[in-house]
Protein backbone atom coordinates (compact mmCIF):
# COMPACT_ATOMS: atom_id res chain seq x y z
CA UNK A 1 7.79 15.61 -13.75
CA UNK A 2 10.70 17.38 -12.20
CA UNK A 3 9.50 18.22 -8.70
CA UNK A 4 9.89 15.65 -5.90
CA UNK A 5 8.69 15.97 -2.30
CA UNK A 6 10.33 13.50 0.05
CA UNK A 7 8.70 12.71 3.43
CA UNK A 8 11.12 11.20 5.94
CA UNK A 9 8.90 9.17 8.31
CA UNK A 10 11.79 7.69 10.36
CA UNK A 11 10.44 8.79 13.76
CA UNK A 12 12.84 9.09 16.70
CA UNK A 13 11.14 7.17 19.52
CA UNK A 14 12.23 4.69 22.27
CA UNK A 15 15.11 2.59 20.87
CA UNK A 16 14.61 3.86 17.30
CA UNK A 17 16.69 6.78 16.26
CA UNK A 18 15.37 6.97 12.71
CA UNK A 19 19.03 6.77 11.48
CA UNK A 20 18.40 4.42 8.54
CA UNK A 21 15.58 6.56 7.17
CA UNK A 22 17.82 9.65 7.53
CA UNK A 23 20.43 7.84 5.37
CA UNK A 24 17.84 6.68 2.94
CA UNK A 25 16.43 10.24 2.58
CA UNK A 26 19.95 11.43 1.80
CA UNK A 27 20.41 8.66 -0.87
CA UNK A 28 17.11 9.65 -2.47
CA UNK A 29 17.78 13.42 -2.47
CA UNK A 30 21.28 13.11 -3.80
CA UNK A 31 20.38 10.66 -6.54
CA UNK A 32 17.35 12.65 -7.80
CA UNK A 33 19.14 16.01 -7.64
CA UNK A 34 21.99 14.46 -9.67
CA UNK A 35 19.33 13.44 -12.18
CA UNK A 36 18.15 17.03 -12.43
CA UNK A 37 15.11 16.94 -10.18
CA UNK A 38 14.08 19.73 -7.81
CA UNK A 39 13.63 18.24 -4.36
CA UNK A 40 11.94 19.32 -1.16
CA UNK A 41 12.31 17.30 2.09
CA UNK A 42 10.22 17.11 5.28
CA UNK A 43 11.25 15.21 8.43
CA UNK A 44 8.29 14.34 10.58
CA UNK A 45 10.34 14.66 13.72
CA UNK A 46 10.48 18.44 13.13
CA UNK A 47 7.68 20.95 13.91
CA UNK A 48 5.56 21.59 10.81
CA UNK A 49 2.83 23.80 9.52
CA UNK A 50 0.06 21.67 8.06
CA UNK A 51 -0.90 24.30 5.47
CA UNK A 52 2.66 24.64 4.30
CA UNK A 53 3.01 20.91 4.03
CA UNK A 54 -0.21 20.75 1.95
CA UNK A 55 1.46 23.28 -0.36
CA UNK A 56 4.39 20.90 -0.73
CA UNK A 57 1.95 18.14 -1.84
CA UNK A 58 0.38 20.55 -4.35
CA UNK A 59 3.79 21.65 -5.59
CA UNK A 60 5.19 18.21 -6.21
CA UNK A 61 4.86 15.99 -9.23
CA UNK A 62 5.78 12.98 -7.16
CA UNK A 63 5.72 12.36 -3.40
CA UNK A 64 8.15 9.86 -1.90
CA UNK A 65 7.48 8.40 1.47
CA UNK A 66 10.18 6.72 3.52
CA UNK A 67 8.73 4.91 6.52
CA UNK A 68 9.80 2.23 8.90
CA UNK A 69 7.15 -0.28 9.94
CA UNK A 70 6.32 -0.32 13.62
CA UNK A 71 4.00 -3.05 14.89
CA UNK A 72 2.82 -3.55 11.35
CA UNK A 73 1.82 0.06 10.85
CA UNK A 74 3.53 3.37 10.07
CA UNK A 75 4.96 5.36 13.06
CA UNK A 76 2.52 7.45 15.00
CA UNK A 77 4.19 10.70 14.11
CA UNK A 78 3.87 9.97 10.37
CA UNK A 79 0.19 9.09 10.85
CA UNK A 80 -0.29 12.35 12.79
CA UNK A 81 1.43 14.18 9.98
CA UNK A 82 -0.80 12.69 7.34
CA UNK A 83 -4.00 13.33 9.26
CA UNK A 84 -3.15 17.05 9.80
CA UNK A 85 -1.81 17.70 6.33
CA UNK A 86 -4.61 15.95 4.53
CA UNK A 87 -7.17 17.85 6.62
CA UNK A 88 -5.42 21.09 5.64
CA UNK A 89 -5.71 19.89 2.00
CA UNK A 90 -9.48 19.32 2.17
CA UNK A 91 -10.96 21.40 -0.64
CA UNK A 92 -7.43 22.84 -0.91
CA UNK A 93 -5.74 20.78 -3.61
CA UNK A 94 -5.49 17.32 -1.94
CA UNK A 95 -9.07 16.04 -1.89
CA UNK A 96 -12.53 17.43 -2.20
CA UNK A 97 -14.69 14.65 -0.66
CA UNK A 98 -15.14 10.88 -0.79
CA UNK A 99 -16.40 10.99 -4.42
CA UNK A 100 -20.02 9.85 -3.79
CA UNK A 101 -23.24 11.72 -4.43
CA UNK A 102 -26.17 11.68 -2.10
CA UNK A 103 -28.38 10.60 -5.01
CA UNK A 104 -26.46 7.32 -5.40
CA UNK A 105 -24.19 6.87 -2.35
CA UNK A 106 -23.39 3.20 -3.13
CA UNK A 107 -20.93 3.91 -5.88
CA UNK A 108 -17.80 6.01 -6.65
CA UNK A 109 -16.35 5.96 -3.13
CA UNK A 110 -12.72 7.04 -3.12
CA UNK A 111 -12.91 9.20 -6.29
CA UNK A 112 -12.91 12.62 -4.76
CA UNK A 113 -9.13 13.22 -4.85
CA UNK A 114 -7.68 16.36 -6.36
CA UNK A 115 -4.12 15.19 -7.10
CA UNK A 116 -4.76 13.33 -10.36
CA UNK A 117 -1.79 13.42 -12.73
CA UNK A 118 0.64 13.19 -9.83
CA UNK A 119 2.46 10.10 -8.47
CA UNK A 120 3.84 8.62 -5.26
CA UNK A 121 6.40 6.06 -4.19
CA UNK A 122 6.81 4.40 -0.81
CA UNK A 123 9.83 2.71 0.73
CA UNK A 124 9.50 0.66 3.91
CA UNK A 125 12.11 -0.68 6.34
CA UNK A 126 11.63 -3.78 8.44
CA UNK A 127 13.23 -5.89 11.07
CA UNK A 128 11.49 -8.85 9.36
CA UNK A 129 13.61 -10.73 6.81
CA UNK A 130 12.38 -10.99 3.26
CA UNK A 131 11.74 -14.70 3.71
CA UNK A 132 8.93 -13.81 6.25
CA UNK A 133 6.94 -12.67 3.17
CA UNK A 134 7.87 -15.34 0.66
CA UNK A 135 8.24 -18.75 2.36
CA UNK A 136 5.17 -20.98 2.95
CA UNK A 137 4.26 -21.09 6.67
CA UNK A 138 6.20 -17.95 7.59
CA UNK A 139 4.62 -15.02 9.35
CA UNK A 140 3.06 -12.96 6.47
CA UNK A 141 1.38 -15.99 4.82
CA UNK A 142 3.12 -15.24 1.44
CA UNK A 143 1.50 -11.77 1.19
CA UNK A 144 3.83 -9.05 -0.10
CA UNK A 145 4.55 -5.89 1.86
CA UNK A 146 2.25 -3.98 -0.50
CA UNK A 147 -0.57 -6.53 -0.35
CA UNK A 148 -0.49 -6.77 3.45
CA UNK A 149 0.72 -4.08 5.85
CA UNK A 150 0.90 -1.30 3.21
CA UNK A 151 -2.42 -2.03 1.55
CA UNK A 152 -4.21 0.75 3.46
CA UNK A 153 -1.38 3.13 2.77
CA UNK A 154 -1.68 2.60 -0.95
CA UNK A 155 -5.47 3.09 -0.76
CA UNK A 156 -4.88 6.39 1.12
CA UNK A 157 -2.78 7.69 -1.77
CA UNK A 158 -5.24 6.40 -4.32
CA UNK A 159 -8.06 8.21 -2.42
CA UNK A 160 -6.39 11.57 -3.04
CA UNK A 161 -5.79 10.82 -6.71
CA UNK A 162 -2.12 9.78 -6.75
CA UNK A 163 -0.84 7.03 -9.06
CA UNK A 164 1.64 4.55 -7.70
CA UNK A 165 5.25 4.19 -8.76
CA UNK A 166 6.89 0.90 -7.80
CA UNK A 167 8.54 1.22 -4.35
CA UNK A 168 11.32 -0.52 -2.55
CA UNK A 169 11.47 -2.52 0.70
CA UNK A 170 14.40 -2.95 3.05
CA UNK A 171 14.52 -6.02 5.30
CA UNK A 172 16.32 -7.37 8.30
CA UNK A 173 17.69 -3.98 9.37
CA UNK A 174 17.76 -4.55 13.10
CA UNK A 175 18.96 -8.05 13.82
CA UNK A 176 21.11 -8.31 10.65
CA UNK A 177 22.06 -4.78 9.79
CA UNK A 178 25.69 -5.36 8.50
CA UNK A 179 27.77 -2.94 6.56
CA UNK A 180 27.67 -5.39 3.61
CA UNK A 181 23.89 -5.43 3.65
CA UNK A 182 23.66 -1.59 3.73
CA UNK A 183 26.18 -1.24 0.89
CA UNK A 184 24.16 -3.77 -1.17
CA UNK A 185 20.94 -1.92 -0.41
CA UNK A 186 22.46 1.39 -1.33
CA UNK A 187 23.57 0.11 -4.72
CA UNK A 188 20.27 -1.61 -5.48
CA UNK A 189 18.11 1.33 -4.28
CA UNK A 190 20.00 3.94 -6.28
CA UNK A 191 19.62 1.70 -9.40
CA UNK A 192 15.86 1.44 -8.59
CA UNK A 193 15.57 5.21 -8.48
CA UNK A 194 17.33 5.52 -11.78
CA UNK A 195 15.15 2.89 -13.39
CA UNK A 196 11.98 4.76 -12.17
CA UNK A 197 13.02 8.33 -12.74
CA UNK A 198 15.55 8.56 -15.62
CA UNK A 199 13.90 10.05 -18.69
CA UNK A 200 10.44 9.76 -17.17
CA UNK A 201 7.82 11.76 -19.06
CA UNK A 202 4.24 12.51 -18.21
CA UNK A 203 3.16 10.28 -21.05
CA UNK A 204 5.20 7.38 -19.77
CA UNK A 205 3.73 7.75 -16.25
CA UNK A 206 0.18 8.38 -17.24
């Protein structure tokens, strides 16, 4: 489990420069390389070849997505990247079909992935404070990031056969992005990576 593919989804658009996700990608790459992992990185702002990106998926043991949340979805460039790369991976190592048979089309939907035995992790960055997810009566109705906005994103990765590693969510990064908050997040996130990736074996992740 020594090959990591990082996708930096911090799109540069309008008032967003993608700067936090650039920093986050650097934190991730440096920490995992220090732990002895081989790392490849794609930035969705750069031109890409979908077939080459599909090869990165096939090469990796774990895919790490870094994405901001824009209007309760991933940025449009990250969605475009996924659409094109997954299409290039159809019957080419990412997925074969939707898993059903014409004889019994009511069952087994979502079981046609080709990436079984591999894993993924997602981080998300928000303007919303953590309390918007946890306090009664607040905006997200006490649904977590993973249960709500990212539910479909997790199902997407399950569809292609990936198994989830616990991710990490960054909050209040626009209205309250202080140096102290960033330093705290850096420390906590690096520790999270170490907790997830130090001495991980295939048996432990299976």
